[in-house]
Amino acid sequence: MERITVDLPKEWLTVADICEYMGVSTFVVTSQLRSGTLPAVKFGREWRVARRDFEDWINEQRAQARARQVEGSG
């Protein structure tokens, strides 16, 4: 499985950046941030996610989904 790379020009992504990239609502992204599933730092009321952490998270989610599919088909 080829690794997904996030082709965004920033090292630190905002919630809006991630929402636009993934095509999801702010609720979806902030729930992942609040739960600690998606690593981030918070500056006041603003979340920031390192692009590399976001890439790692996407690829991990993808690998887990693939593993669940394999388990379910066996």
C-alpha atoms as a PDB file:
ATOM      1  CA  MET A   1       0.000   0.000   0.000  1.00  0.00           C
ATOM      2  CA  GLU A   2       1.480   3.326  -1.065  1.00  0.00           C
ATOM      3  CA  ARG A   3       1.899   5.958   1.654  1.00  0.00           C
ATOM      4  CA  ILE A   4      -0.374   8.991   1.416  1.00  0.00           C
ATOM      5  CA  THR A   5       1.468  12.308   1.475  1.00  0.00           C
ATOM      6  CA  VAL A   6      -0.296  15.566   2.264  1.00  0.00           C
ATOM      7  CA  ASP A   7       0.711  18.092  -0.371  1.00  0.00           C
ATOM      8  CA  LEU A   8       0.064  21.301   1.541  1.00  0.00           C
ATOM      9  CA  PRO A   9       2.612  24.137   1.712  1.00  0.00           C
ATOM     10  CA  LYS A  10       2.395  24.547   5.513  1.00  0.00           C
ATOM     11  CA  GLU A  11       4.239  22.708   8.278  1.00  0.00           C
ATOM     12  CA  TRP A  12       1.381  23.394  10.733  1.00  0.00           C
ATOM     13  CA  LEU A  13      -2.238  22.849   9.673  1.00  0.00           C
ATOM     14  CA  THR A  14      -5.365  24.489  11.061  1.00  0.00           C
ATOM     15  CA  VAL A  15      -8.697  22.763  11.601  1.00  0.00           C
ATOM     16  CA  ALA A  16      -9.937  24.545   8.464  1.00  0.00           C
ATOM     17  CA  ASP A  17      -6.989  23.187   6.443  1.00  0.00           C
ATOM     18  CA  ILE A  18      -7.761  19.637   7.529  1.00  0.00           C
ATOM     19  CA  CYS A  19     -11.503  20.061   6.925  1.00  0.00           C
ATOM     20  CA  GLU A  20     -10.879  21.295   3.405  1.00  0.00           C
ATOM     21  CA  TYR A  21      -8.342  18.561   2.652  1.00  0.00           C
ATOM     22  CA  MET A  22     -10.548  15.747   3.994  1.00  0.00           C
ATOM     23  CA  GLY A  23     -13.899  17.219   2.935  1.00  0.00           C
ATOM     24  CA  VAL A  24     -15.379  16.927   6.427  1.00  0.00           C
ATOM     25  CA  SER A  25     -16.923  19.276   8.976  1.00  0.00           C
ATOM     26  CA  THR A  26     -15.117  21.030  11.811  1.00  0.00           C
ATOM     27  CA  PHE A  27     -17.050  18.822  14.234  1.00  0.00           C
ATOM     28  CA  VAL A  28     -15.414  15.697  12.790  1.00  0.00           C
ATOM     29  CA  VAL A  29     -11.903  17.144  13.023  1.00  0.00           C
ATOM     30  CA  THR A  30     -12.276  18.717  16.472  1.00  0.00           C
ATOM     31  CA  SER A  31     -13.712  15.496  17.896  1.00  0.00           C
ATOM     32  CA  GLN A  32     -10.558  13.679  16.752  1.00  0.00           C
ATOM     33  CA  LEU A  33      -8.408  16.426  18.275  1.00  0.00           C
ATOM     34  CA  ARG A  34     -10.259  16.460  21.605  1.00  0.00           C
ATOM     35  CA  SER A  35     -10.057  12.687  21.929  1.00  0.00           C
ATOM     36  CA  GLY A  36      -6.314  12.789  21.309  1.00  0.00           C
ATOM     37  CA  THR A  37      -6.620  10.446  18.337  1.00  0.00           C
ATOM     38  CA  LEU A  38      -5.122  13.070  16.030  1.00  0.00           C
ATOM     39  CA  PRO A  39      -2.043  14.592  17.679  1.00  0.00           C
ATOM     40  CA  ALA A  40      -2.106  18.375  17.936  1.00  0.00           C
ATOM     41  CA  VAL A  41      -1.160  21.376  20.006  1.00  0.00           C
ATOM     42  CA  LYS A  42      -3.525  24.061  21.157  1.00  0.00           C
ATOM     43  CA  PHE A  43      -2.622  27.753  21.175  1.00  0.00           C
ATOM     44  CA  GLY A  44      -5.341  29.503  23.123  1.00  0.00           C
ATOM     45  CA  ARG A  45      -8.512  28.439  21.333  1.00  0.00           C
ATOM     46  CA  GLU A  46      -6.764  27.384  18.107  1.00  0.00           C
ATOM     47  CA  TRP A  47      -5.622  23.849  17.264  1.00  0.00           C
ATOM     48  CA  ARG A  48      -2.543  23.202  15.131  1.00  0.00           C
ATOM     49  CA  VAL A  49      -1.508  19.861  13.676  1.00  0.00           C
ATOM     50  CA  ALA A  50       1.947  19.187  12.297  1.00  0.00           C
ATOM     51  CA  ARG A  51       1.635  18.137   8.654  1.00  0.00           C
ATOM     52  CA  ARG A  52       3.823  15.074   9.300  1.00  0.00           C
ATOM     53  CA  ASP A  53       1.618  14.003  12.238  1.00  0.00           C
ATOM     54  CA  PHE A  54      -1.446  14.405  10.010  1.00  0.00           C
ATOM     55  CA  GLU A  55       0.158  12.250   7.308  1.00  0.00           C
ATOM     56  CA  ASP A  56       1.088   9.595   9.871  1.00  0.00           C
ATOM     57  CA  TRP A  57      -2.449   9.647  11.290  1.00  0.00           C
ATOM     58  CA  ILE A  58      -4.071   9.258   7.857  1.00  0.00           C
ATOM     59  CA  ASN A  59      -1.804   6.357   6.976  1.00  0.00           C
ATOM     60  CA  GLU A  60      -2.398   4.669  10.336  1.00  0.00           C
ATOM     61  CA  GLN A  61      -6.175   4.998   9.955  1.00  0.00           C
ATOM     62  CA  ARG A  62      -5.920   3.534   6.475  1.00  0.00           C
ATOM     63  CA  ALA A  63      -3.805   0.578   7.660  1.00  0.00           C
ATOM     64  CA  GLN A  64      -6.245  -0.142  10.496  1.00  0.00           C
ATOM     65  CA  ALA A  65      -9.206  -0.054   8.101  1.00  0.00           C
ATOM     66  CA  ARG A  66      -7.410  -2.437   5.749  1.00  0.00           C
ATOM     67  CA  ALA A  67      -6.622  -4.819   8.638  1.00  0.00           C
ATOM     68  CA  ARG A  68     -10.290  -4.816   9.700  1.00  0.00           C
ATOM     69  CA  GLN A  69     -11.323  -5.676   6.135  1.00  0.00           C
ATOM     70  CA  VAL A  70      -8.906  -8.598   6.034  1.00  0.00           C
ATOM     71  CA  GLU A  71     -10.126  -9.873   9.420  1.00  0.00           C
ATOM     72  CA  GLY A  72     -13.751  -9.550   8.349  1.00  0.00           C
ATOM     73  CA  SER A  73     -13.258 -11.482   5.123  1.00  0.00           C
ATOM     74  CA  GLY A  74     -11.435 -14.398   6.745  1.00  0.00           C
END
